[in-house]
Amino acid sequence: MVMRLGVEDICSISELVRSRRLSMGYSRSELSELSGVSESTIKRIESNGLVTLGSYLRILDSLKLKTEIIWKD
């Protein structure tokens, strides 16, 4: 599955992270340990999506989600 998301799609990313975490059977605590991102950051990404890019990348990688950053011209 490929999702192309922009800045305006933060809510979609938050929902994707939560849905994927649950489908993989991870608690927030388990994902925190796996990704090296604090549990409070995972809670924040799932609620409002406001975290650093580095945290996003670590979490998405731990959830086996491919990430691409594409520069706009």
N, C-alpha and C. Protein backbone atom coordinates (compact mmCIF):
# COMPACT_ATOMS: atom_id res chain seq x y z
N MET A 1 0.85 -1.17 0.00
CA MET A 1 0.00 0.00 0.00
C MET A 1 0.90 1.24 0.00
N VAL A 2 0.57 2.19 -0.83
CA VAL A 2 1.31 3.44 -0.90
C VAL A 2 0.36 4.57 -0.54
N MET A 3 0.79 5.39 0.39
CA MET A 3 0.01 6.58 0.77
C MET A 3 0.90 7.79 0.55
N ARG A 4 0.43 8.72 -0.20
CA ARG A 4 1.16 9.98 -0.39
C ARG A 4 0.47 11.02 0.48
N LEU A 5 1.19 11.50 1.47
CA LEU A 5 0.61 12.42 2.44
C LEU A 5 1.39 13.71 2.47
N GLY A 6 0.69 14.79 2.67
CA GLY A 6 1.31 16.10 2.81
C GLY A 6 1.16 16.59 4.24
N VAL A 7 1.64 17.80 4.48
CA VAL A 7 1.59 18.39 5.81
C VAL A 7 0.15 18.43 6.33
N GLU A 8 -0.80 18.65 5.44
CA GLU A 8 -2.19 18.74 5.86
C GLU A 8 -2.78 17.38 6.27
N ASP A 9 -2.01 16.33 6.11
CA ASP A 9 -2.50 14.98 6.40
C ASP A 9 -1.99 14.41 7.72
N ILE A 10 -1.59 15.24 8.66
CA ILE A 10 -1.05 14.79 9.94
C ILE A 10 -2.02 13.84 10.64
N CYS A 11 -3.31 14.13 10.61
CA CYS A 11 -4.30 13.25 11.26
C CYS A 11 -4.28 11.87 10.64
N SER A 12 -4.12 11.78 9.32
CA SER A 12 -4.05 10.48 8.65
C SER A 12 -2.83 9.70 9.10
N ILE A 13 -1.71 10.37 9.28
CA ILE A 13 -0.50 9.70 9.74
C ILE A 13 -0.70 9.19 11.16
N SER A 14 -1.31 9.99 12.00
CA SER A 14 -1.58 9.58 13.38
C SER A 14 -2.45 8.34 13.42
N GLU A 15 -3.49 8.34 12.60
CA GLU A 15 -4.38 7.17 12.54
C GLU A 15 -3.66 5.95 11.98
N LEU A 16 -2.81 6.17 10.97
CA LEU A 16 -2.05 5.07 10.39
C LEU A 16 -1.12 4.43 11.42
N VAL A 17 -0.42 5.25 12.18
CA VAL A 17 0.51 4.73 13.19
C VAL A 17 -0.25 3.91 14.24
N ARG A 18 -1.33 4.43 14.75
CA ARG A 18 -2.10 3.71 15.77
C ARG A 18 -2.66 2.41 15.21
N SER A 19 -3.25 2.47 14.02
CA SER A 19 -3.83 1.29 13.40
C SER A 19 -2.78 0.22 13.14
N ARG A 20 -1.64 0.63 12.62
CA ARG A 20 -0.57 -0.33 12.32
C ARG A 20 -0.01 -0.93 13.60
N ARG A 21 0.19 -0.11 14.62
CA ARG A 21 0.69 -0.62 15.91
C ARG A 21 -0.23 -1.70 16.46
N LEU A 22 -1.53 -1.42 16.45
CA LEU A 22 -2.51 -2.37 16.98
C LEU A 22 -2.57 -3.64 16.12
N SER A 23 -2.50 -3.48 14.80
CA SER A 23 -2.57 -4.66 13.93
C SER A 23 -1.36 -5.56 14.09
N MET A 24 -0.23 -4.97 14.49
CA MET A 24 0.97 -5.77 14.73
C MET A 24 1.01 -6.31 16.16
N GLY A 25 0.02 -5.94 16.97
CA GLY A 25 -0.08 -6.47 18.32
C GLY A 25 0.83 -5.80 19.33
N TYR A 26 1.33 -4.60 19.04
CA TYR A 26 2.22 -3.90 19.95
C TYR A 26 1.46 -2.96 20.88
N SER A 27 1.85 -2.96 22.12
CA SER A 27 1.40 -1.91 23.04
C SER A 27 2.29 -0.69 22.77
N ARG A 28 1.91 0.44 23.31
CA ARG A 28 2.76 1.63 23.16
C ARG A 28 4.12 1.38 23.81
N SER A 29 4.10 0.70 24.93
CA SER A 29 5.34 0.39 25.64
C SER A 29 6.26 -0.49 24.79
N GLU A 30 5.70 -1.48 24.14
CA GLU A 30 6.51 -2.37 23.29
C GLU A 30 7.07 -1.62 22.08
N LEU A 31 6.25 -0.76 21.47
CA LEU A 31 6.73 0.02 20.33
C LEU A 31 7.81 1.00 20.77
N SER A 32 7.66 1.54 21.96
CA SER A 32 8.66 2.44 22.51
C SER A 32 10.01 1.73 22.63
N GLU A 33 10.00 0.55 23.17
CA GLU A 33 11.23 -0.23 23.34
C GLU A 33 11.84 -0.58 21.99
N LEU A 34 11.00 -0.98 21.06
CA LEU A 34 11.46 -1.38 19.73
C LEU A 34 12.04 -0.21 18.94
N SER A 35 11.40 0.95 19.03
CA SER A 35 11.79 2.10 18.21
C SER A 35 12.82 3.02 18.88
N GLY A 36 12.93 2.94 20.20
CA GLY A 36 13.81 3.86 20.91
C GLY A 36 13.19 5.24 21.11
N VAL A 37 11.88 5.33 20.91
CA VAL A 37 11.14 6.59 21.08
C VAL A 37 10.31 6.45 22.35
N SER A 38 10.24 7.49 23.15
CA SER A 38 9.52 7.40 24.42
C SER A 38 8.04 7.10 24.21
N GLU A 39 7.47 6.45 25.20
CA GLU A 39 6.05 6.12 25.15
C GLU A 39 5.18 7.38 25.05
N SER A 40 5.60 8.45 25.71
CA SER A 40 4.83 9.70 25.64
C SER A 40 4.86 10.29 24.23
N THR A 41 5.96 10.10 23.51
CA THR A 41 6.05 10.57 22.13
C THR A 41 5.13 9.75 21.23
N ILE A 42 5.07 8.45 21.46
CA ILE A 42 4.17 7.60 20.69
C ILE A 42 2.72 8.00 20.94
N LYS A 43 2.39 8.27 22.19
CA LYS A 43 1.04 8.73 22.51
C LYS A 43 0.74 10.05 21.80
N ARG A 44 1.72 10.94 21.77
CA ARG A 44 1.55 12.23 21.12
C ARG A 44 1.36 12.08 19.61
N ILE A 45 2.16 11.20 18.98
CA ILE A 45 2.02 11.00 17.53
C ILE A 45 0.65 10.44 17.19
N GLU A 46 0.12 9.59 18.07
CA GLU A 46 -1.19 8.99 17.82
C GLU A 46 -2.34 9.95 18.11
N SER A 47 -2.09 10.98 18.90
CA SER A 47 -3.18 11.89 19.23
C SER A 47 -3.19 13.15 18.36
N ASN A 48 -2.02 13.78 18.19
CA ASN A 48 -2.03 15.01 17.39
C ASN A 48 -0.94 15.07 16.33
N GLY A 49 -0.07 14.09 16.30
CA GLY A 49 0.93 14.00 15.25
C GLY A 49 2.09 14.96 15.36
N LEU A 50 2.18 15.71 16.46
CA LEU A 50 3.21 16.73 16.57
C LEU A 50 4.45 16.19 17.27
N VAL A 51 5.34 15.61 16.48
CA VAL A 51 6.62 15.10 16.98
C VAL A 51 7.69 15.43 15.95
N THR A 52 8.94 15.21 16.31
CA THR A 52 10.03 15.50 15.38
C THR A 52 10.04 14.50 14.22
N LEU A 53 10.65 14.91 13.13
CA LEU A 53 10.78 14.03 11.97
C LEU A 53 11.55 12.77 12.35
N GLY A 54 12.58 12.92 13.16
CA GLY A 54 13.36 11.75 13.59
C GLY A 54 12.51 10.73 14.32
N SER A 55 11.61 11.20 15.19
CA SER A 55 10.71 10.29 15.90
C SER A 55 9.77 9.59 14.93
N TYR A 56 9.22 10.35 13.99
CA TYR A 56 8.37 9.74 12.96
C TYR A 56 9.10 8.62 12.24
N LEU A 57 10.31 8.92 11.79
CA LEU A 57 11.06 7.95 11.01
C LEU A 57 11.36 6.68 11.80
N ARG A 58 11.76 6.84 13.06
CA ARG A 58 12.04 5.66 13.90
C ARG A 58 10.79 4.82 14.12
N ILE A 59 9.67 5.49 14.38
CA ILE A 59 8.41 4.77 14.63
C ILE A 59 7.94 4.06 13.36
N LEU A 60 7.94 4.78 12.23
CA LEU A 60 7.49 4.17 10.98
C LEU A 60 8.38 3.00 10.59
N ASP A 61 9.68 3.12 10.79
CA ASP A 61 10.59 2.02 10.49
C ASP A 61 10.29 0.81 11.37
N SER A 62 10.02 1.04 12.64
CA SER A 62 9.71 -0.06 13.56
C SER A 62 8.40 -0.75 13.20
N LEU A 63 7.51 0.00 12.57
CA LEU A 63 6.22 -0.56 12.15
C LEU A 63 6.28 -1.12 10.72
N LYS A 64 7.50 -1.20 10.18
CA LYS A 64 7.73 -1.74 8.83
C LYS A 64 6.98 -0.95 7.77
N LEU A 65 6.97 0.36 7.94
CA LEU A 65 6.35 1.25 6.96
C LEU A 65 7.46 2.00 6.23
N LYS A 66 7.42 1.99 4.92
CA LYS A 66 8.44 2.67 4.11
C LYS A 66 8.16 4.16 4.10
N THR A 67 9.21 4.93 4.20
CA THR A 67 9.10 6.38 4.23
C THR A 67 9.91 6.97 3.09
N GLU A 68 9.30 7.89 2.37
CA GLU A 68 10.02 8.62 1.34
C GLU A 68 9.78 10.11 1.55
N ILE A 69 10.83 10.87 1.41
CA ILE A 69 10.69 12.32 1.47
C ILE A 69 10.98 12.83 0.07
N ILE A 70 10.02 13.53 -0.49
CA ILE A 70 10.13 14.01 -1.86
C ILE A 70 10.09 15.53 -1.83
N TRP A 71 11.10 16.14 -2.41
CA TRP A 71 11.16 17.58 -2.47
C TRP A 71 10.23 18.09 -3.56
N LYS A 72 9.51 19.14 -3.24
CA LYS A 72 8.67 19.80 -4.23
C LYS A 72 9.54 20.78 -5.01
N ASP A 73 9.24 20.94 -6.26
CA ASP A 73 9.96 21.93 -7.07
C ASP A 73 9.25 23.25 -7.02
